[in-house]
């Protein structure tokens, strides 16, 4: 089974969220599932589009540098829009089941 995880942020950032996610991904892989991972702009990965951490490959969503990115409420809309665009690029490549 090919599973795509859409994440707010991930390792190497340190939080309970990232460590729980890493554990879930490892357990799913132990079951024989193929896992794929994309993070939103809150990862703060700059212009990096892909990164491998602890043996897990992540697709990164770059931060927007437009005017909306600087406005409090519209910033969140901008984050969602950027993630939707990144998913549109990734999904045809990996063709997840879930």
N, C-alpha and C. Protein backbone atom coordinates (compact mmCIF):
# COMPACT_ATOMS: atom_id res chain seq x y z
N UNK A 1 0.84 -1.17 0.00
CA UNK A 1 0.00 0.00 0.00
C UNK A 1 0.89 1.24 0.00
N UNK A 2 0.52 2.21 -0.81
CA UNK A 2 1.26 3.47 -0.91
C UNK A 2 0.47 4.56 -0.19
N UNK A 3 1.06 5.11 0.87
CA UNK A 3 0.36 6.06 1.73
C UNK A 3 1.07 7.41 1.69
N UNK A 4 0.32 8.46 1.39
CA UNK A 4 0.86 9.82 1.38
C UNK A 4 0.44 10.52 2.67
N UNK A 5 1.41 10.98 3.42
CA UNK A 5 1.16 11.73 4.65
C UNK A 5 1.35 13.21 4.35
N UNK A 6 0.35 14.02 4.64
CA UNK A 6 0.41 15.47 4.46
C UNK A 6 0.61 16.06 5.86
N UNK A 7 1.76 16.67 6.06
CA UNK A 7 2.18 17.10 7.39
C UNK A 7 2.37 18.61 7.47
N UNK A 8 2.09 19.14 8.64
CA UNK A 8 2.36 20.55 8.90
C UNK A 8 3.87 20.78 8.92
N UNK A 9 4.58 19.94 9.69
CA UNK A 9 6.04 20.00 9.78
C UNK A 9 6.53 18.62 10.21
N UNK A 10 7.83 18.42 10.17
CA UNK A 10 8.37 17.09 10.47
C UNK A 10 9.80 17.21 11.00
N UNK A 11 10.38 16.03 11.29
CA UNK A 11 11.80 16.02 11.63
C UNK A 11 12.56 16.65 10.46
N UNK A 12 13.63 17.34 10.68
CA UNK A 12 14.45 17.39 11.87
C UNK A 12 13.98 18.38 12.95
N UNK A 13 12.86 19.06 12.75
CA UNK A 13 12.34 19.91 13.82
C UNK A 13 11.97 19.03 15.01
N UNK A 14 12.10 19.55 16.20
CA UNK A 14 11.84 18.77 17.41
C UNK A 14 10.52 19.19 18.04
N UNK A 15 9.57 18.27 18.07
CA UNK A 15 8.30 18.47 18.78
C UNK A 15 7.67 17.11 18.97
N UNK A 16 6.70 17.04 19.85
CA UNK A 16 5.98 15.78 20.03
C UNK A 16 5.34 15.32 18.73
N UNK A 17 4.81 16.28 17.96
CA UNK A 17 4.18 15.99 16.67
C UNK A 17 5.16 15.30 15.73
N UNK A 18 6.38 15.83 15.63
CA UNK A 18 7.34 15.26 14.68
C UNK A 18 7.82 13.88 15.12
N UNK A 19 8.01 13.70 16.43
CA UNK A 19 8.49 12.40 16.91
C UNK A 19 7.41 11.33 16.80
N UNK A 20 6.15 11.69 17.08
CA UNK A 20 5.05 10.73 16.91
C UNK A 20 4.90 10.36 15.44
N UNK A 21 5.00 11.36 14.57
CA UNK A 21 4.89 11.10 13.13
C UNK A 21 5.99 10.15 12.67
N UNK A 22 7.21 10.40 13.11
CA UNK A 22 8.33 9.52 12.73
C UNK A 22 8.06 8.08 13.18
N UNK A 23 7.54 7.91 14.37
CA UNK A 23 7.22 6.56 14.88
C UNK A 23 6.13 5.90 14.05
N UNK A 24 5.10 6.65 13.70
CA UNK A 24 4.02 6.11 12.86
C UNK A 24 4.56 5.67 11.51
N UNK A 25 5.40 6.51 10.90
CA UNK A 25 5.96 6.19 9.59
C UNK A 25 6.81 4.92 9.66
N UNK A 26 7.61 4.79 10.69
CA UNK A 26 8.45 3.60 10.84
C UNK A 26 7.61 2.34 11.03
N UNK A 27 6.55 2.44 11.81
CA UNK A 27 5.67 1.28 12.03
C UNK A 27 4.94 0.89 10.75
N UNK A 28 4.48 1.88 10.00
CA UNK A 28 3.82 1.58 8.72
C UNK A 28 4.80 0.91 7.76
N UNK A 29 6.02 1.36 7.74
CA UNK A 29 7.02 0.73 6.88
C UNK A 29 7.32 -0.69 7.34
N UNK A 30 7.30 -0.92 8.64
CA UNK A 30 7.52 -2.28 9.17
C UNK A 30 6.41 -3.22 8.72
N UNK A 31 5.23 -2.67 8.46
CA UNK A 31 4.11 -3.46 7.93
C UNK A 31 4.23 -3.71 6.43
N UNK A 32 5.24 -3.11 5.81
CA UNK A 32 5.45 -3.28 4.38
C UNK A 32 4.80 -2.20 3.53
N UNK A 33 4.26 -1.18 4.17
CA UNK A 33 3.65 -0.08 3.43
C UNK A 33 4.73 0.86 2.91
N UNK A 34 4.49 1.44 1.75
CA UNK A 34 5.35 2.50 1.22
C UNK A 34 4.78 3.81 1.71
N UNK A 35 5.58 4.60 2.41
CA UNK A 35 5.09 5.88 2.90
C UNK A 35 5.79 7.02 2.17
N UNK A 36 5.01 8.04 1.91
CA UNK A 36 5.50 9.26 1.27
C UNK A 36 5.07 10.42 2.16
N UNK A 37 5.85 11.49 2.17
CA UNK A 37 5.63 12.54 3.17
C UNK A 37 5.83 13.91 2.54
N UNK A 38 4.86 14.78 2.71
CA UNK A 38 4.99 16.16 2.24
C UNK A 38 4.69 17.09 3.41
N UNK A 39 5.52 18.13 3.55
CA UNK A 39 5.31 19.11 4.61
C UNK A 39 4.93 20.44 4.01
N UNK A 40 4.17 21.21 4.79
CA UNK A 40 3.77 22.54 4.37
C UNK A 40 4.88 23.55 4.59
N UNK A 41 4.59 24.79 4.25
CA UNK A 41 5.58 25.87 4.34
C UNK A 41 6.02 26.15 5.77
N UNK A 42 5.24 25.73 6.76
CA UNK A 42 5.63 25.97 8.15
C UNK A 42 6.87 25.18 8.55
N UNK A 43 7.30 24.26 7.71
CA UNK A 43 8.54 23.53 7.94
C UNK A 43 9.74 24.48 7.89
N UNK A 44 9.56 25.61 7.18
CA UNK A 44 10.64 26.59 7.02
C UNK A 44 11.88 25.98 6.38
N UNK A 45 11.67 25.26 5.28
CA UNK A 45 12.79 24.59 4.61
C UNK A 45 13.42 25.44 3.52
N UNK A 46 13.03 26.71 3.44
CA UNK A 46 13.60 27.58 2.41
C UNK A 46 13.16 27.14 1.04
N UNK A 47 14.09 27.08 0.11
CA UNK A 47 13.77 26.67 -1.26
C UNK A 47 14.00 25.18 -1.49
N UNK A 48 14.37 24.44 -0.44
CA UNK A 48 14.62 23.01 -0.57
C UNK A 48 13.31 22.29 -0.87
N UNK A 49 13.28 21.52 -1.96
CA UNK A 49 12.07 20.81 -2.36
C UNK A 49 12.00 19.39 -1.84
N UNK A 50 13.14 18.80 -1.50
CA UNK A 50 13.17 17.43 -0.98
C UNK A 50 14.30 17.31 0.04
N UNK A 51 14.09 16.41 1.00
CA UNK A 51 15.09 16.22 2.05
C UNK A 51 14.90 14.82 2.64
N UNK A 52 16.00 14.15 2.94
CA UNK A 52 15.95 12.85 3.62
C UNK A 52 16.50 13.02 5.03
N UNK A 53 15.70 12.60 6.01
CA UNK A 53 16.06 12.71 7.42
C UNK A 53 15.77 11.37 8.09
N UNK A 54 16.73 10.82 8.80
CA UNK A 54 16.56 9.53 9.50
C UNK A 54 16.03 8.44 8.58
N UNK A 55 16.47 8.44 7.34
CA UNK A 55 16.04 7.42 6.39
C UNK A 55 14.65 7.64 5.81
N UNK A 56 14.02 8.76 6.12
CA UNK A 56 12.69 9.09 5.59
C UNK A 56 12.82 10.25 4.61
N UNK A 57 12.24 10.08 3.43
CA UNK A 57 12.32 11.11 2.40
C UNK A 57 11.10 12.02 2.48
N UNK A 58 11.33 13.31 2.53
CA UNK A 58 10.26 14.30 2.64
C UNK A 58 10.25 15.20 1.42
N UNK A 59 9.05 15.47 0.93
CA UNK A 59 8.84 16.51 -0.07
C UNK A 59 8.50 17.77 0.71
N UNK A 60 9.20 18.85 0.43
CA UNK A 60 9.00 20.10 1.15
C UNK A 60 8.23 21.09 0.29
N UNK A 61 7.44 21.92 0.94
CA UNK A 61 6.72 23.00 0.26
C UNK A 61 7.44 24.30 0.58
N UNK A 62 7.95 24.98 -0.44
CA UNK A 62 8.67 26.22 -0.16
C UNK A 62 7.74 27.31 0.37
N UNK A 63 8.31 28.21 1.15
CA UNK A 63 7.54 29.33 1.67
C UNK A 63 7.25 30.31 0.54
N UNK A 64 6.07 30.90 0.57
CA UNK A 64 5.72 31.92 -0.40
C UNK A 64 6.37 33.23 0.01
N UNK A 65 6.77 33.99 -0.97
CA UNK A 65 7.38 35.28 -0.68
C UNK A 65 6.49 36.43 -1.12
N UNK A 66 5.24 36.11 -1.47
CA UNK A 66 4.30 37.13 -1.94
C UNK A 66 3.75 37.98 -0.81
N UNK A 67 2.95 38.97 -1.17
CA UNK A 67 2.36 39.90 -0.21
C UNK A 67 1.45 39.19 0.78
N UNK A 68 0.71 38.16 0.32
CA UNK A 68 -0.20 37.45 1.21
C UNK A 68 0.54 36.76 2.36
N UNK A 69 1.76 36.38 2.13
CA UNK A 69 2.54 35.67 3.14
C UNK A 69 2.82 36.54 4.36
N UNK A 70 2.66 37.84 4.22
CA UNK A 70 2.96 38.76 5.32
C UNK A 70 1.72 39.21 6.08
N UNK A 71 0.54 38.85 5.61
CA UNK A 71 -0.70 39.29 6.25
C UNK A 71 -1.23 38.19 7.16
N UNK A 72 -1.54 38.53 8.42
CA UNK A 72 -1.87 37.51 9.42
C UNK A 72 -2.89 36.45 8.99
N UNK A 73 -4.08 36.82 8.61
CA UNK A 73 -5.09 35.82 8.26
C UNK A 73 -4.84 35.24 6.88
N UNK A 74 -4.49 36.08 5.95
CA UNK A 74 -4.26 35.63 4.58
C UNK A 74 -3.02 34.74 4.48
N UNK A 75 -2.12 34.87 5.43
CA UNK A 75 -0.94 34.00 5.45
C UNK A 75 -1.37 32.53 5.51
N UNK A 76 -2.37 32.21 6.33
CA UNK A 76 -2.83 30.83 6.45
C UNK A 76 -3.42 30.32 5.13
N UNK A 77 -4.16 31.19 4.45
CA UNK A 77 -4.70 30.83 3.13
C UNK A 77 -3.55 30.55 2.17
N UNK A 78 -2.52 31.37 2.26
CA UNK A 78 -1.35 31.22 1.41
C UNK A 78 -0.62 29.90 1.68
N UNK A 79 -0.52 29.51 2.95
CA UNK A 79 0.11 28.24 3.33
C UNK A 79 -0.67 27.07 2.72
N UNK A 80 -1.99 27.12 2.83
CA UNK A 80 -2.84 26.05 2.29
C UNK A 80 -2.73 25.99 0.78
N UNK A 81 -2.75 27.15 0.14
CA UNK A 81 -2.64 27.20 -1.33
C UNK A 81 -1.30 26.63 -1.80
N UNK A 82 -0.23 26.97 -1.11
CA UNK A 82 1.09 26.45 -1.49
C UNK A 82 1.16 24.94 -1.34
N UNK A 83 0.57 24.42 -0.28
CA UNK A 83 0.55 22.97 -0.06
C UNK A 83 -0.29 22.28 -1.13
N UNK A 84 -1.41 22.86 -1.49
CA UNK A 84 -2.26 22.28 -2.55
C UNK A 84 -1.50 22.21 -3.87
N UNK A 85 -0.76 23.25 -4.19
CA UNK A 85 0.03 23.26 -5.43
C UNK A 85 1.14 22.20 -5.38
N UNK A 86 1.78 22.08 -4.23
CA UNK A 86 2.86 21.09 -4.10
C UNK A 86 2.30 19.68 -4.22
N UNK A 87 1.13 19.43 -3.62
CA UNK A 87 0.48 18.12 -3.73
C UNK A 87 0.13 17.81 -5.18
N UNK A 88 -0.30 18.81 -5.93
CA UNK A 88 -0.64 18.61 -7.34
C UNK A 88 0.60 18.19 -8.14
N UNK A 89 1.78 18.60 -7.71
CA UNK A 89 3.03 18.18 -8.37
C UNK A 89 3.42 16.76 -7.96
N UNK A 90 3.24 16.44 -6.70
CA UNK A 90 3.74 15.18 -6.15
C UNK A 90 2.84 13.99 -6.43
N UNK A 91 1.54 14.16 -6.28
CA UNK A 91 0.60 13.04 -6.40
C UNK A 91 0.72 12.29 -7.72
N UNK A 92 0.81 12.96 -8.87
CA UNK A 92 0.96 12.19 -10.12
C UNK A 92 2.25 11.37 -10.17
N UNK A 93 3.29 11.81 -9.49
CA UNK A 93 4.56 11.08 -9.49
C UNK A 93 4.49 9.82 -8.64
N UNK A 94 3.93 9.94 -7.44
CA UNK A 94 3.98 8.81 -6.51
C UNK A 94 2.73 7.93 -6.55
N UNK A 95 1.64 8.45 -7.05
CA UNK A 95 0.38 7.71 -7.20
C UNK A 95 0.02 6.93 -5.93
N UNK A 96 -0.29 7.65 -4.85
CA UNK A 96 -0.61 6.96 -3.59
C UNK A 96 -1.97 6.27 -3.65
N UNK A 97 -2.11 5.22 -2.83
CA UNK A 97 -3.41 4.57 -2.66
C UNK A 97 -4.26 5.34 -1.65
N UNK A 98 -3.60 5.88 -0.66
CA UNK A 98 -4.29 6.64 0.40
C UNK A 98 -3.56 7.94 0.62
